[in-house]
Each structure stands twice: as structure tokens, then as C-alpha cells.
Amino acid sequence: MPYRTNADLPTRLRNNLPEQAQDIYREAFNHAYAAHAGERDRELRSRMIAWSAVKNSYVRAGDTWALRRA
């Protein structure tokens, strides 16, 4: 199901990702969710696409996520 705001994201995401990474995840998830309407694995695909979008801009550094350096 699409997320209206970052507050609607799962607790695990809200507690671990910086606000900007949450924005990226939410927007990518919502876009993918709409694009894959009617597909059986819509939710899974949307989560995978959203994580990929986050990982394009952020990298895991220990227990935190840091903005990827150019």
C-alpha cells in the first residue's frame, strides 16, 4: 500500500534511515507500486525498487546510513 507521509513508513525504516532517505524510499515505493498495478508480486517489487533507490544515494556505515560521496 502506498505511503502518504514518512510517518506511515514501517517503524524499522523510520528508525534507521535519515529523513531524506525516507523521502527517497517513499517516493520510489509509491511510483513502483502504481507502475506495477495488477501484478501478483507488486508489494515485493516496490520494496526492492525503493531500497535500490535509497542505495543509489546512501550507503550503510556501521549502524547508520550516510550520504554517498560523489
C-alpha atoms as a PDB file:
ATOM      1  CA  MET A   1       0.000   0.000   0.000  1.00  0.00           C
ATOM      2  CA  PRO A   2       1.364   3.476  -0.849  1.00  0.00           C
ATOM      3  CA  TYR A   3       2.672   5.742   1.902  1.00  0.00           C
ATOM      4  CA  ARG A   4       1.254   9.280   2.232  1.00  0.00           C
ATOM      5  CA  THR A   5       3.988  10.545   4.556  1.00  0.00           C
ATOM      6  CA  ASN A   6       7.199   9.291   6.116  1.00  0.00           C
ATOM      7  CA  ALA A   7       5.265   8.760   9.343  1.00  0.00           C
ATOM      8  CA  ASP A   8       3.382   5.986   7.503  1.00  0.00           C
ATOM      9  CA  LEU A   9       6.578   4.069   6.729  1.00  0.00           C
ATOM     10  CA  PRO A  10       7.372   0.945   8.759  1.00  0.00           C
ATOM     11  CA  THR A  11       8.986   1.703  12.116  1.00  0.00           C
ATOM     12  CA  ARG A  12      12.211  -0.050  11.104  1.00  0.00           C
ATOM     13  CA  LEU A  13      12.676   2.375   8.194  1.00  0.00           C
ATOM     14  CA  ARG A  14      11.775   5.463  10.223  1.00  0.00           C
ATOM     15  CA  ASN A  15      14.195   4.498  12.981  1.00  0.00           C
ATOM     16  CA  ASN A  16      17.146   3.709  10.713  1.00  0.00           C
ATOM     17  CA  LEU A  17      17.021   5.925   7.636  1.00  0.00           C
ATOM     18  CA  PRO A  18      17.708   9.668   7.610  1.00  0.00           C
ATOM     19  CA  GLU A  19      14.706  11.830   6.680  1.00  0.00           C
ATOM     20  CA  GLN A  20      15.927  12.407   3.116  1.00  0.00           C
ATOM     21  CA  ALA A  21      16.449   8.664   2.590  1.00  0.00           C
ATOM     22  CA  GLN A  22      12.926   8.086   3.884  1.00  0.00           C
ATOM     23  CA  ASP A  23      11.659  10.551   1.267  1.00  0.00           C
ATOM     24  CA  ILE A  24      13.543   8.662  -1.443  1.00  0.00           C
ATOM     25  CA  TYR A  25      12.193   5.303  -0.271  1.00  0.00           C
ATOM     26  CA  ARG A  26       8.597   6.551  -0.020  1.00  0.00           C
ATOM     27  CA  GLU A  27       8.588   8.244  -3.412  1.00  0.00           C
ATOM     28  CA  ALA A  28      10.240   5.306  -5.184  1.00  0.00           C
ATOM     29  CA  PHE A  29       7.913   2.808  -3.482  1.00  0.00           C
ATOM     30  CA  ASN A  30       4.796   4.774  -4.386  1.00  0.00           C
ATOM     31  CA  HIS A  31       5.882   5.188  -8.003  1.00  0.00           C
ATOM     32  CA  ALA A  32       6.738   1.499  -8.356  1.00  0.00           C
ATOM     33  CA  TYR A  33       3.503   0.476  -6.647  1.00  0.00           C
ATOM     34  CA  ALA A  34       1.488   2.439  -9.208  1.00  0.00           C
ATOM     35  CA  ALA A  35       3.609   1.190 -12.115  1.00  0.00           C
ATOM     36  CA  HIS A  36       3.152  -2.469 -11.154  1.00  0.00           C
ATOM     37  CA  ALA A  37      -0.618  -2.378 -10.601  1.00  0.00           C
ATOM     38  CA  GLY A  38      -2.250  -5.748 -11.137  1.00  0.00           C
ATOM     39  CA  GLU A  39       0.948  -7.746 -10.672  1.00  0.00           C
ATOM     40  CA  ARG A  40       0.964 -10.527  -8.106  1.00  0.00           C
ATOM     41  CA  ASP A  41       4.318  -9.501  -6.580  1.00  0.00           C
ATOM     42  CA  ARG A  42       3.595  -5.764  -6.649  1.00  0.00           C
ATOM     43  CA  GLU A  43       4.474  -5.145  -2.985  1.00  0.00           C
ATOM     44  CA  LEU A  44       7.753  -7.071  -3.123  1.00  0.00           C
ATOM     45  CA  ARG A  45       8.852  -5.398  -6.357  1.00  0.00           C
ATOM     46  CA  SER A  46       8.009  -1.983  -4.964  1.00  0.00           C
ATOM     47  CA  ARG A  47      10.082  -2.609  -1.817  1.00  0.00           C
ATOM     48  CA  MET A  48      13.045  -3.835  -3.885  1.00  0.00           C
ATOM     49  CA  ILE A  49      12.881  -0.803  -6.179  1.00  0.00           C
ATOM     50  CA  ALA A  50      12.591   1.568  -3.217  1.00  0.00           C
ATOM     51  CA  TRP A  51      15.649   0.053  -1.496  1.00  0.00           C
ATOM     52  CA  SER A  52      17.602   0.289  -4.733  1.00  0.00           C
ATOM     53  CA  ALA A  53      16.726   3.982  -4.970  1.00  0.00           C
ATOM     54  CA  VAL A  54      17.925   4.574  -1.399  1.00  0.00           C
ATOM     55  CA  LYS A  55      21.174   2.716  -2.061  1.00  0.00           C
ATOM     56  CA  ASN A  56      21.872   4.940  -5.086  1.00  0.00           C
ATOM     57  CA  SER A  57      22.233   7.905  -2.717  1.00  0.00           C
ATOM     58  CA  TYR A  58      23.074   6.334   0.654  1.00  0.00           C
ATOM     59  CA  VAL A  59      25.491   3.729   1.932  1.00  0.00           C
ATOM     60  CA  ARG A  60      25.321   1.795   5.166  1.00  0.00           C
ATOM     61  CA  ALA A  61      28.106   2.871   7.523  1.00  0.00           C
ATOM     62  CA  GLY A  62      28.010   0.596  10.551  1.00  0.00           C
ATOM     63  CA  ASP A  63      24.636   1.049  12.188  1.00  0.00           C
ATOM     64  CA  THR A  64      23.747   4.215  10.284  1.00  0.00           C
ATOM     65  CA  TRP A  65      23.132   5.326   6.722  1.00  0.00           C
ATOM     66  CA  ALA A  66      25.379   8.025   5.239  1.00  0.00           C
ATOM     67  CA  LEU A  67      25.026  10.069   2.081  1.00  0.00           C
ATOM     68  CA  ARG A  68      27.133   8.571  -0.692  1.00  0.00           C
ATOM     69  CA  ARG A  69      30.071  10.748  -1.673  1.00  0.00           C
ATOM     70  CA  ALA A  70      30.399  11.695  -5.318  1.00  0.00           C
END
